[in-house]
PDB file of all heavy atoms in Angstrom:
ATOM      1  N   GLY A   1      -3.199   4.562   6.950  1.00  0.00           N
ATOM      2  CA  GLY A   1      -3.381   5.061   5.593  1.00  0.00           C
ATOM      3  C   GLY A   1      -2.731   4.218   4.514  1.00  0.00           C
ATOM      4  O   GLY A   1      -2.649   4.649   3.359  1.00  0.00           O
ATOM      5  N   LEU A   2      -2.305   2.996   4.859  1.00  0.00           N
ATOM      6  CA  LEU A   2      -1.573   2.180   3.881  1.00  0.00           C
ATOM      7  C   LEU A   2      -2.444   1.768   2.696  1.00  0.00           C
ATOM      8  O   LEU A   2      -1.948   1.651   1.566  1.00  0.00           O
ATOM      9  CB  LEU A   2      -0.993   0.934   4.559  1.00  0.00           C
ATOM     10  CG  LEU A   2       0.013   1.187   5.692  1.00  0.00           C
ATOM     11  CD1 LEU A   2       0.647  -0.125   6.141  1.00  0.00           C
ATOM     12  CD2 LEU A   2       1.088   2.180   5.266  1.00  0.00           C
ATOM     13  N   PHE A   3      -3.747   1.552   2.929  1.00  0.00           N
ATOM     14  CA  PHE A   3      -4.619   1.119   1.839  1.00  0.00           C
ATOM     15  C   PHE A   3      -4.918   2.263   0.862  1.00  0.00           C
ATOM     16  O   PHE A   3      -5.366   2.027  -0.255  1.00  0.00           O
ATOM     17  CB  PHE A   3      -5.922   0.543   2.391  1.00  0.00           C
ATOM     18  CG  PHE A   3      -5.748  -0.766   3.096  1.00  0.00           C
ATOM     19  CD1 PHE A   3      -5.504  -0.809   4.461  1.00  0.00           C
ATOM     20  CD2 PHE A   3      -5.805  -1.958   2.392  1.00  0.00           C
ATOM     21  CE1 PHE A   3      -5.324  -2.017   5.121  1.00  0.00           C
ATOM     22  CE2 PHE A   3      -5.629  -3.176   3.042  1.00  0.00           C
ATOM     23  CZ  PHE A   3      -5.384  -3.202   4.406  1.00  0.00           C
ATOM     24  N   GLY A   4      -4.666   3.479   1.286  1.00  0.00           N
ATOM     25  CA  GLY A   4      -4.926   4.617   0.412  1.00  0.00           C
ATOM     26  C   GLY A   4      -3.676   5.231  -0.184  1.00  0.00           C
ATOM     27  O   GLY A   4      -3.749   6.288  -0.828  1.00  0.00           O
ATOM     28  N   LEU A   5      -2.522   4.600  -0.006  1.00  0.00           N
ATOM     29  CA  LEU A   5      -1.251   5.204  -0.406  1.00  0.00           C
ATOM     30  C   LEU A   5      -1.218   5.728  -1.843  1.00  0.00           C
ATOM     31  O   LEU A   5      -0.864   6.890  -2.061  1.00  0.00           O
ATOM     32  CB  LEU A   5      -0.100   4.204  -0.185  1.00  0.00           C
ATOM     33  CG  LEU A   5       0.475   4.148   1.225  1.00  0.00           C
ATOM     34  CD1 LEU A   5       1.511   3.049   1.337  1.00  0.00           C
ATOM     35  CD2 LEU A   5       1.091   5.494   1.601  1.00  0.00           C
ATOM     36  N   PRO A   6      -1.558   4.904  -2.863  1.00  0.00           N
ATOM     37  CA  PRO A   6      -1.358   5.393  -4.240  1.00  0.00           C
ATOM     38  C   PRO A   6      -2.561   6.093  -4.852  1.00  0.00           C
ATOM     39  O   PRO A   6      -2.625   6.246  -6.072  1.00  0.00           O
ATOM     40  CB  PRO A   6      -1.050   4.090  -4.988  1.00  0.00           C
ATOM     41  CG  PRO A   6      -1.897   3.071  -4.310  1.00  0.00           C
ATOM     42  CD  PRO A   6      -1.958   3.490  -2.854  1.00  0.00           C
ATOM     43  N   PHE A   7      -3.504   6.531  -4.020  1.00  0.00           N
ATOM     44  CA  PHE A   7      -4.738   7.121  -4.537  1.00  0.00           C
ATOM     45  C   PHE A   7      -4.830   8.601  -4.187  1.00  0.00           C
ATOM     46  O   PHE A   7      -4.297   9.055  -3.173  1.00  0.00           O
ATOM     47  CB  PHE A   7      -5.953   6.381  -3.986  1.00  0.00           C
ATOM     48  CG  PHE A   7      -5.961   4.913  -4.291  1.00  0.00           C
ATOM     49  CD1 PHE A   7      -5.596   3.976  -3.328  1.00  0.00           C
ATOM     50  CD2 PHE A   7      -6.321   4.455  -5.548  1.00  0.00           C
ATOM     51  CE1 PHE A   7      -5.595   2.620  -3.605  1.00  0.00           C
ATOM     52  CE2 PHE A   7      -6.326   3.103  -5.847  1.00  0.00           C
ATOM     53  CZ  PHE A   7      -5.960   2.183  -4.882  1.00  0.00           C
ATOM     54  N   SER A   8      -5.560   9.337  -5.001  1.00  0.00           N
ATOM     55  CA  SER A   8      -5.697  10.773  -4.792  1.00  0.00           C
ATOM     56  C   SER A   8      -6.533  11.064  -3.546  1.00  0.00           C
ATOM     57  O   SER A   8      -7.383  10.266  -3.137  1.00  0.00           O
ATOM     58  CB  SER A   8      -6.348  11.425  -6.017  1.00  0.00           C
ATOM     59  OG  SER A   8      -7.700  11.001  -6.139  1.00  0.00           O
ATOM     60  N   GLU A   9      -6.298  12.220  -2.957  1.00  0.00           N
ATOM     61  CA  GLU A   9      -7.044  12.634  -1.772  1.00  0.00           C
ATOM     62  C   GLU A   9      -8.519  12.857  -2.099  1.00  0.00           C
ATOM     63  O   GLU A   9      -9.376  12.732  -1.220  1.00  0.00           O
ATOM     64  CB  GLU A   9      -6.424  13.911  -1.201  1.00  0.00           C
ATOM     65  CG  GLU A   9      -5.002  13.704  -0.694  1.00  0.00           C
ATOM     66  CD  GLU A   9      -4.388  14.991  -0.175  1.00  0.00           C
ATOM     67  OE1 GLU A   9      -5.096  16.017  -0.169  1.00  0.00           O
ATOM     68  OE2 GLU A   9      -3.210  14.960   0.229  1.00  0.00           O
ATOM     69  N   GLU A  10      -8.803  13.161  -3.355  1.00  0.00           N
ATOM     70  CA  GLU A  10     -10.179  13.381  -3.801  1.00  0.00           C
ATOM     71  C   GLU A  10     -11.077  12.198  -3.475  1.00  0.00           C
ATOM     72  O   GLU A  10     -12.262  12.356  -3.164  1.00  0.00           O
ATOM     73  CB  GLU A  10     -10.190  13.648  -5.305  1.00  0.00           C
ATOM     74  CG  GLU A  10     -11.567  13.742  -5.925  1.00  0.00           C
ATOM     75  CD  GLU A  10     -11.536  13.781  -7.441  1.00  0.00           C
ATOM     76  OE1 GLU A  10     -10.434  13.764  -8.014  1.00  0.00           O
ATOM     77  OE2 GLU A  10     -12.632  13.821  -8.043  1.00  0.00           O
ATOM     78  N   HIS A  11     -10.514  10.997  -3.548  1.00  0.00           N
ATOM     79  CA  HIS A  11     -11.307   9.787  -3.308  1.00  0.00           C
ATOM     80  C   HIS A  11     -11.030   9.174  -1.939  1.00  0.00           C
ATOM     81  O   HIS A  11     -11.402   8.031  -1.677  1.00  0.00           O
ATOM     82  CB  HIS A  11     -11.018   8.763  -4.404  1.00  0.00           C
ATOM     83  CG  HIS A  11     -11.399   9.225  -5.777  1.00  0.00           C
ATOM     84  ND1 HIS A  11     -12.709   9.379  -6.172  1.00  0.00           N
ATOM     85  CD2 HIS A  11     -10.644   9.590  -6.842  1.00  0.00           C
ATOM     86  CE1 HIS A  11     -12.752   9.807  -7.418  1.00  0.00           C
ATOM     87  NE2 HIS A  11     -11.517   9.945  -7.848  1.00  0.00           N
ATOM     88  N   GLY A  12     -10.355   9.935  -1.067  1.00  0.00           N
ATOM     89  CA  GLY A  12     -10.083   9.433   0.272  1.00  0.00           C
ATOM     90  C   GLY A  12      -8.727   8.799   0.419  1.00  0.00           C
ATOM     91  O   GLY A  12      -8.436   8.188   1.468  1.00  0.00           O
ATOM     92  N   GLY A  13      -7.869   8.922  -0.593  1.00  0.00           N
ATOM     93  CA  GLY A  13      -6.538   8.349  -0.542  1.00  0.00           C
ATOM     94  C   GLY A  13      -5.535   9.265   0.141  1.00  0.00           C
ATOM     95  O   GLY A  13      -5.873  10.340   0.631  1.00  0.00           O
ATOM     96  N   MET A  14      -4.269   8.839   0.121  1.00  0.00           N
ATOM     97  CA  MET A  14      -3.211   9.585   0.794  1.00  0.00           C
ATOM     98  C   MET A  14      -2.469  10.523  -0.155  1.00  0.00           C
ATOM     99  O   MET A  14      -1.580  11.259   0.271  1.00  0.00           O
ATOM    100  CB  MET A  14      -2.219   8.592   1.424  1.00  0.00           C
ATOM    101  CG  MET A  14      -2.835   7.687   2.482  1.00  0.00           C
ATOM    102  SD  MET A  14      -3.461   8.597   3.905  1.00  0.00           S
ATOM    103  CE  MET A  14      -1.918   9.141   4.637  1.00  0.00           C
ATOM    104  N   GLY A  15      -2.808  10.458  -1.449  1.00  0.00           N
ATOM    105  CA  GLY A  15      -2.159  11.352  -2.404  1.00  0.00           C
ATOM    106  C   GLY A  15      -0.757  10.949  -2.773  1.00  0.00           C
ATOM    107  O   GLY A  15       0.001  11.760  -3.320  1.00  0.00           O
ATOM    108  N   GLY A  16      -0.390   9.710  -2.513  1.00  0.00           N
ATOM    109  CA  GLY A  16       0.943   9.222  -2.866  1.00  0.00           C
ATOM    110  C   GLY A  16       0.967   8.612  -4.250  1.00  0.00           C
ATOM    111  O   GLY A  16       0.164   8.961  -5.118  1.00  0.00           O
ATOM    112  N   ASP A  17       1.864   7.673  -4.466  1.00  0.00           N
ATOM    113  CA  ASP A  17       1.962   7.019  -5.763  1.00  0.00           C
ATOM    114  C   ASP A  17       2.224   5.525  -5.581  1.00  0.00           C
ATOM    115  O   ASP A  17       2.301   5.018  -4.457  1.00  0.00           O
ATOM    116  CB  ASP A  17       3.051   7.660  -6.643  1.00  0.00           C
ATOM    117  CG  ASP A  17       4.422   7.657  -5.972  1.00  0.00           C
ATOM    118  OD1 ASP A  17       4.691   6.763  -5.149  1.00  0.00           O
ATOM    119  OD2 ASP A  17       5.245   8.549  -6.284  1.00  0.00           O
ATOM    120  N   TYR A  18       2.347   4.820  -6.699  1.00  0.00           N
ATOM    121  CA  TYR A  18       2.498   3.363  -6.661  1.00  0.00           C
ATOM    122  C   TYR A  18       3.815   2.946  -6.016  1.00  0.00           C
ATOM    123  O   TYR A  18       3.911   1.892  -5.392  1.00  0.00           O
ATOM    124  CB  TYR A  18       2.390   2.804  -8.070  1.00  0.00           C
ATOM    125  CG  TYR A  18       1.831   1.398  -8.129  1.00  0.00           C
ATOM    126  CD1 TYR A  18       0.456   1.174  -8.060  1.00  0.00           C
ATOM    127  CD2 TYR A  18       2.672   0.298  -8.228  1.00  0.00           C
ATOM    128  CE1 TYR A  18      -0.059  -0.112  -8.104  1.00  0.00           C
ATOM    129  CE2 TYR A  18       2.168  -0.991  -8.281  1.00  0.00           C
ATOM    130  CZ  TYR A  18       0.793  -1.190  -8.212  1.00  0.00           C
ATOM    131  OH  TYR A  18       0.294  -2.465  -8.245  1.00  0.00           O
ATOM    132  N   PHE A  19       4.833   3.783  -6.170  1.00  0.00           N
ATOM    133  CA  PHE A  19       6.123   3.459  -5.561  1.00  0.00           C
ATOM    134  C   PHE A  19       6.017   3.480  -4.038  1.00  0.00           C
ATOM    135  O   PHE A  19       6.646   2.673  -3.354  1.00  0.00           O
ATOM    136  CB  PHE A  19       7.192   4.441  -6.042  1.00  0.00           C
ATOM    137  CG  PHE A  19       8.576   4.132  -5.543  1.00  0.00           C
ATOM    138  CD1 PHE A  19       9.189   2.929  -5.866  1.00  0.00           C
ATOM    139  CD2 PHE A  19       9.262   5.037  -4.751  1.00  0.00           C
ATOM    140  CE1 PHE A  19      10.463   2.630  -5.410  1.00  0.00           C
ATOM    141  CE2 PHE A  19      10.535   4.750  -4.285  1.00  0.00           C
ATOM    142  CZ  PHE A  19      11.140   3.552  -4.616  1.00  0.00           C
ATOM    143  N   ALA A  20       5.216   4.395  -3.494  1.00  0.00           N
ATOM    144  CA  ALA A  20       5.008   4.433  -2.050  1.00  0.00           C
ATOM    145  C   ALA A  20       4.393   3.122  -1.567  1.00  0.00           C
ATOM    146  O   ALA A  20       4.784   2.582  -0.525  1.00  0.00           O
ATOM    147  CB  ALA A  20       4.104   5.610  -1.688  1.00  0.00           C
ATOM    148  N   LEU A  21       3.429   2.601  -2.329  1.00  0.00           N
ATOM    149  CA  LEU A  21       2.850   1.303  -1.993  1.00  0.00           C
ATOM    150  C   LEU A  21       3.923   0.221  -1.984  1.00  0.00           C
ATOM    151  O   LEU A  21       3.969  -0.618  -1.082  1.00  0.00           O
ATOM    152  CB  LEU A  21       1.753   0.945  -2.998  1.00  0.00           C
ATOM    153  CG  LEU A  21       1.214  -0.483  -2.917  1.00  0.00           C
ATOM    154  CD1 LEU A  21       0.476  -0.710  -1.597  1.00  0.00           C
ATOM    155  CD2 LEU A  21       0.296  -0.782  -4.099  1.00  0.00           C
ATOM    156  N   CYS A  22       4.789   0.240  -2.989  1.00  0.00           N
ATOM    157  CA  CYS A  22       5.844  -0.778  -3.087  1.00  0.00           C
ATOM    158  C   CYS A  22       6.790  -0.724  -1.893  1.00  0.00           C
ATOM    159  O   CYS A  22       7.206  -1.767  -1.374  1.00  0.00           O
ATOM    160  CB  CYS A  22       6.623  -0.603  -4.384  1.00  0.00           C
ATOM    161  SG  CYS A  22       5.673  -1.023  -5.863  1.00  0.00           S
ATOM    162  N   LEU A  23       7.140   0.475  -1.455  1.00  0.00           N
ATOM    163  CA  LEU A  23       8.004   0.604  -0.286  1.00  0.00           C
ATOM    164  C   LEU A  23       7.348  -0.012   0.946  1.00  0.00           C
ATOM    165  O   LEU A  23       8.002  -0.707   1.743  1.00  0.00           O
ATOM    166  CB  LEU A  23       8.311   2.075  -0.024  1.00  0.00           C
ATOM    167  CG  LEU A  23       9.206   2.788  -1.038  1.00  0.00           C
ATOM    168  CD1 LEU A  23       9.329   4.269  -0.677  1.00  0.00           C
ATOM    169  CD2 LEU A  23      10.584   2.143  -1.112  1.00  0.00           C
ATOM    170  N   ALA A  24       6.042   0.233   1.107  1.00  0.00           N
ATOM    171  CA  ALA A  24       5.317  -0.327   2.243  1.00  0.00           C
ATOM    172  C   ALA A  24       5.262  -1.849   2.163  1.00  0.00           C
ATOM    173  O   ALA A  24       5.456  -2.547   3.168  1.00  0.00           O
ATOM    174  CB  ALA A  24       3.909   0.257   2.309  1.00  0.00           C
ATOM    175  N   LEU A  25       5.022  -2.370   0.971  1.00  0.00           N
ATOM    176  CA  LEU A  25       4.956  -3.817   0.795  1.00  0.00           C
ATOM    177  C   LEU A  25       6.289  -4.478   1.111  1.00  0.00           C
ATOM    178  O   LEU A  25       6.336  -5.544   1.737  1.00  0.00           O
ATOM    179  CB  LEU A  25       4.542  -4.148  -0.643  1.00  0.00           C
ATOM    180  CG  LEU A  25       3.095  -3.838  -1.017  1.00  0.00           C
ATOM    181  CD1 LEU A  25       2.888  -3.998  -2.515  1.00  0.00           C
ATOM    182  CD2 LEU A  25       2.136  -4.738  -0.252  1.00  0.00           C
ATOM    183  N   GLU A  26       7.373  -3.861   0.678  1.00  0.00           N
ATOM    184  CA  GLU A  26       8.687  -4.446   0.955  1.00  0.00           C
ATOM    185  C   GLU A  26       8.933  -4.549   2.451  1.00  0.00           C
ATOM    186  O   GLU A  26       9.397  -5.590   2.946  1.00  0.00           O
ATOM    187  CB  GLU A  26       9.791  -3.611   0.302  1.00  0.00           C
ATOM    188  CG  GLU A  26      11.171  -4.207   0.547  1.00  0.00           C
ATOM    189  CD  GLU A  26      12.311  -3.395  -0.028  1.00  0.00           C
ATOM    190  OE1 GLU A  26      12.067  -2.548  -0.920  1.00  0.00           O
ATOM    191  OE2 GLU A  26      13.461  -3.594   0.424  1.00  0.00           O
ATOM    192  N   GLU A  27       8.614  -3.485   3.182  1.00  0.00           N
ATOM    193  CA  GLU A  27       8.871  -3.501   4.624  1.00  0.00           C
ATOM    194  C   GLU A  27       7.967  -4.469   5.363  1.00  0.00           C
ATOM    195  O   GLU A  27       8.399  -5.136   6.310  1.00  0.00           O
ATOM    196  CB  GLU A  27       8.733  -2.089   5.191  1.00  0.00           C
ATOM    197  CG  GLU A  27       9.817  -1.134   4.736  1.00  0.00           C
ATOM    198  CD  GLU A  27      11.220  -1.637   5.047  1.00  0.00           C
ATOM    199  OE1 GLU A  27      11.419  -2.246   6.118  1.00  0.00           O
ATOM    200  OE2 GLU A  27      12.125  -1.423   4.215  1.00  0.00           O
ATOM    201  N   LEU A  28       6.708  -4.591   4.945  1.00  0.00           N
ATOM    202  CA  LEU A  28       5.818  -5.561   5.582  1.00  0.00           C
ATOM    203  C   LEU A  28       6.292  -6.988   5.326  1.00  0.00           C
ATOM    204  O   LEU A  28       6.343  -7.819   6.240  1.00  0.00           O
ATOM    205  CB  LEU A  28       4.393  -5.381   5.057  1.00  0.00           C
ATOM    206  CG  LEU A  28       3.636  -4.139   5.529  1.00  0.00           C
ATOM    207  CD1 LEU A  28       2.325  -4.012   4.772  1.00  0.00           C
ATOM    208  CD2 LEU A  28       3.373  -4.197   7.040  1.00  0.00           C
ATOM    209  N   ALA A  29       6.641  -7.282   4.060  1.00  0.00           N
ATOM    210  CA  ALA A  29       7.060  -8.641   3.698  1.00  0.00           C
ATOM    211  C   ALA A  29       8.390  -9.010   4.318  1.00  0.00           C
ATOM    212  O   ALA A  29       8.726 -10.187   4.420  1.00  0.00           O
ATOM    213  CB  ALA A  29       7.126  -8.780   2.180  1.00  0.00           C
ATOM    214  N   ARG A  30       9.145  -8.028   4.729  1.00  0.00           N
ATOM    215  CA  ARG A  30      10.409  -8.287   5.415  1.00  0.00           C
ATOM    216  C   ARG A  30      10.159  -9.019   6.730  1.00  0.00           C
ATOM    217  O   ARG A  30      11.024  -9.719   7.241  1.00  0.00           O
ATOM    218  CB  ARG A  30      11.104  -6.947   5.666  1.00  0.00           C
ATOM    219  CG  ARG A  30      12.570  -7.009   5.957  1.00  0.00           C
ATOM    220  CD  ARG A  30      13.200  -5.631   5.815  1.00  0.00           C
ATOM    221  NE  ARG A  30      14.561  -5.602   6.284  1.00  0.00           N
ATOM    222  CZ  ARG A  30      15.378  -4.568   6.116  1.00  0.00           C
ATOM    223  NH1 ARG A  30      14.945  -3.485   5.483  1.00  0.00           N
ATOM    224  NH2 ARG A  30      16.616  -4.613   6.590  1.00  0.00           N
ATOM    225  N   VAL A  31       8.930  -8.868   7.239  1.00  0.00           N
ATOM    226  CA  VAL A  31       8.520  -9.545   8.470  1.00  0.00           C
ATOM    227  C   VAL A  31       7.485 -10.629   8.190  1.00  0.00           C
ATOM    228  O   VAL A  31       7.564 -11.726   8.741  1.00  0.00           O
ATOM    229  CB  VAL A  31       7.965  -8.522   9.480  1.00  0.00           C
ATOM    230  CG1 VAL A  31       7.296  -9.224  10.656  1.00  0.00           C
ATOM    231  CG2 VAL A  31       9.085  -7.611   9.967  1.00  0.00           C
ATOM    232  N   ASP A  32       6.513 -10.329   7.314  1.00  0.00           N
ATOM    233  CA  ASP A  32       5.471 -11.326   7.015  1.00  0.00           C
ATOM    234  C   ASP A  32       4.826 -11.070   5.664  1.00  0.00           C
ATOM    235  O   ASP A  32       4.474  -9.941   5.331  1.00  0.00           O
ATOM    236  CB  ASP A  32       4.382 -11.316   8.083  1.00  0.00           C
ATOM    237  CG  ASP A  32       3.255 -12.267   7.707  1.00  0.00           C
ATOM    238  OD1 ASP A  32       3.520 -13.473   7.606  1.00  0.00           O
ATOM    239  OD2 ASP A  32       2.145 -11.781   7.458  1.00  0.00           O
ATOM    240  N   SER A  33       4.609 -12.144   4.915  1.00  0.00           N
ATOM    241  CA  SER A  33       4.042 -12.033   3.572  1.00  0.00           C
ATOM    242  C   SER A  33       2.521 -12.098   3.544  1.00  0.00           C
ATOM    243  O   SER A  33       1.906 -11.586   2.611  1.00  0.00           O
ATOM    244  CB  SER A  33       4.614 -13.141   2.673  1.00  0.00           C
ATOM    245  OG  SER A  33       5.972 -12.907   2.400  1.00  0.00           O
ATOM    246  N   SER A  34       1.889 -12.715   4.525  1.00  0.00           N
ATOM    247  CA  SER A  34       0.427 -12.770   4.529  1.00  0.00           C
ATOM    248  C   SER A  34      -0.168 -11.378   4.672  1.00  0.00           C
ATOM    249  O   SER A  34      -1.117 -11.013   3.969  1.00  0.00           O
ATOM    250  CB  SER A  34      -0.081 -13.666   5.668  1.00  0.00           C
ATOM    251  OG  SER A  34       0.031 -15.035   5.342  1.00  0.00           O
ATOM    252  N   VAL A  35       0.387 -10.601   5.581  1.00  0.00           N
ATOM    253  CA  VAL A  35      -0.070  -9.232   5.757  1.00  0.00           C
ATOM    254  C   VAL A  35       0.237  -8.415   4.507  1.00  0.00           C
ATOM    255  O   VAL A  35      -0.590  -7.614   4.036  1.00  0.00           O
ATOM    256  CB  VAL A  35       0.591  -8.605   7.000  1.00  0.00           C
ATOM    257  CG1 VAL A  35       0.353  -7.104   7.043  1.00  0.00           C
ATOM    258  CG2 VAL A  35       0.054  -9.266   8.266  1.00  0.00           C
ATOM    259  N   ALA A  36       1.433  -8.623   3.939  1.00  0.00           N
ATOM    260  CA  ALA A  36       1.828  -7.867   2.750  1.00  0.00           C
ATOM    261  C   ALA A  36       0.932  -8.186   1.559  1.00  0.00           C
ATOM    262  O   ALA A  36       0.507  -7.278   0.838  1.00  0.00           O
ATOM    263  CB  ALA A  36       3.289  -8.162   2.411  1.00  0.00           C
ATOM    264  N   ILE A  37       0.608  -9.457   1.341  1.00  0.00           N
ATOM    265  CA  ILE A  37      -0.225  -9.805   0.174  1.00  0.00           C
ATOM    266  C   ILE A  37      -1.657  -9.335   0.386  1.00  0.00           C
ATOM    267  O   ILE A  37      -2.357  -9.011  -0.591  1.00  0.00           O
ATOM    268  CB  ILE A  37      -0.181 -11.318  -0.125  1.00  0.00           C
ATOM    269  CG1 ILE A  37      -0.756 -11.595  -1.524  1.00  0.00           C
ATOM    270  CG2 ILE A  37      -0.926 -12.131   0.919  1.00  0.00           C
ATOM    271  CD1 ILE A  37      -0.043 -10.897  -2.654  1.00  0.00           C
ATOM    272  N   THR A  38      -2.100  -9.261   1.627  1.00  0.00           N
ATOM    273  CA  THR A  38      -3.434  -8.709   1.886  1.00  0.00           C
ATOM    274  C   THR A  38      -3.501  -7.259   1.427  1.00  0.00           C
ATOM    275  O   THR A  38      -4.463  -6.835   0.768  1.00  0.00           O
ATOM    276  CB  THR A  38      -3.787  -8.812   3.377  1.00  0.00           C
ATOM    277  OG1 THR A  38      -3.798 -10.190   3.776  1.00  0.00           O
ATOM    278  CG2 THR A  38      -5.146  -8.198   3.665  1.00  0.00           C
ATOM    279  N   LEU A  39      -2.466  -6.483   1.743  1.00  0.00           N
ATOM    280  CA  LEU A  39      -2.410  -5.089   1.304  1.00  0.00           C
ATOM    281  C   LEU A  39      -2.247  -4.997  -0.208  1.00  0.00           C
ATOM    282  O   LEU A  39      -2.956  -4.218  -0.871  1.00  0.00           O
ATOM    283  CB  LEU A  39      -1.246  -4.371   1.990  1.00  0.00           C
ATOM    284  CG  LEU A  39      -0.982  -2.926   1.533  1.00  0.00           C
ATOM    285  CD1 LEU A  39      -2.189  -2.032   1.824  1.00  0.00           C
ATOM    286  CD2 LEU A  39       0.276  -2.375   2.201  1.00  0.00           C
ATOM    287  N   GLU A  40      -1.344  -5.790  -0.771  1.00  0.00           N
ATOM    288  CA  GLU A  40      -1.098  -5.729  -2.219  1.00  0.00           C
ATOM    289  C   GLU A  40      -2.354  -6.038  -3.003  1.00  0.00           C
ATOM    290  O   GLU A  40      -2.721  -5.316  -3.940  1.00  0.00           O
ATOM    291  CB  GLU A  40       0.018  -6.714  -2.597  1.00  0.00           C
ATOM    292  CG  GLU A  40       0.544  -6.555  -4.006  1.00  0.00           C
ATOM    293  CD  GLU A  40      -0.318  -7.233  -5.068  1.00  0.00           C
ATOM    294  OE1 GLU A  40      -0.991  -8.221  -4.712  1.00  0.00           O
ATOM    295  OE2 GLU A  40      -0.305  -6.788  -6.242  1.00  0.00           O
ATOM    296  N   ALA A  41      -3.038  -7.113  -2.642  1.00  0.00           N
ATOM    297  CA  ALA A  41      -4.242  -7.505  -3.372  1.00  0.00           C
ATOM    298  C   ALA A  41      -5.373  -6.513  -3.153  1.00  0.00           C
ATOM    299  O   ALA A  41      -6.146  -6.222  -4.070  1.00  0.00           O
ATOM    300  CB  ALA A  41      -4.680  -8.912  -2.949  1.00  0.00           C
ATOM    301  N   ALA A  42      -5.492  -5.985  -1.937  1.00  0.00           N
ATOM    302  CA  ALA A  42      -6.553  -5.029  -1.640  1.00  0.00           C
ATOM    303  C   ALA A  42      -6.399  -3.755  -2.469  1.00  0.00           C
ATOM    304  O   ALA A  42      -7.386  -3.165  -2.916  1.00  0.00           O
ATOM    305  CB  ALA A  42      -6.548  -4.685  -0.154  1.00  0.00           C
ATOM    306  N   VAL A  43      -5.156  -3.347  -2.704  1.00  0.00           N
ATOM    307  CA  VAL A  43      -4.898  -2.106  -3.434  1.00  0.00           C
ATOM    308  C   VAL A  43      -4.839  -2.342  -4.934  1.00  0.00           C
ATOM    309  O   VAL A  43      -5.631  -1.793  -5.705  1.00  0.00           O
ATOM    310  CB  VAL A  43      -3.596  -1.448  -2.938  1.00  0.00           C
ATOM    311  CG1 VAL A  43      -3.242  -0.244  -3.814  1.00  0.00           C
ATOM    312  CG2 VAL A  43      -3.740  -1.017  -1.487  1.00  0.00           C
ATOM    313  N   SER A  44      -3.890  -3.177  -5.377  1.00  0.00           N
ATOM    314  CA  SER A  44      -3.647  -3.286  -6.826  1.00  0.00           C
ATOM    315  C   SER A  44      -4.699  -4.114  -7.546  1.00  0.00           C
ATOM    316  O   SER A  44      -4.976  -3.880  -8.727  1.00  0.00           O
ATOM    317  CB  SER A  44      -2.254  -3.859  -7.091  1.00  0.00           C
ATOM    318  OG  SER A  44      -2.170  -5.209  -6.692  1.00  0.00           O
TER     319      SER A  44
END
């Protein structure tokens, strides 16, 4: 559900917010940035 983190459930998202996305990006980039930038660009 990482690609749907900051989106409403109405549109198939997880109902979270932009900060939730940021937390996920930080943890991914702690190991690898290619995966993290794929998520960041896909979402934002």
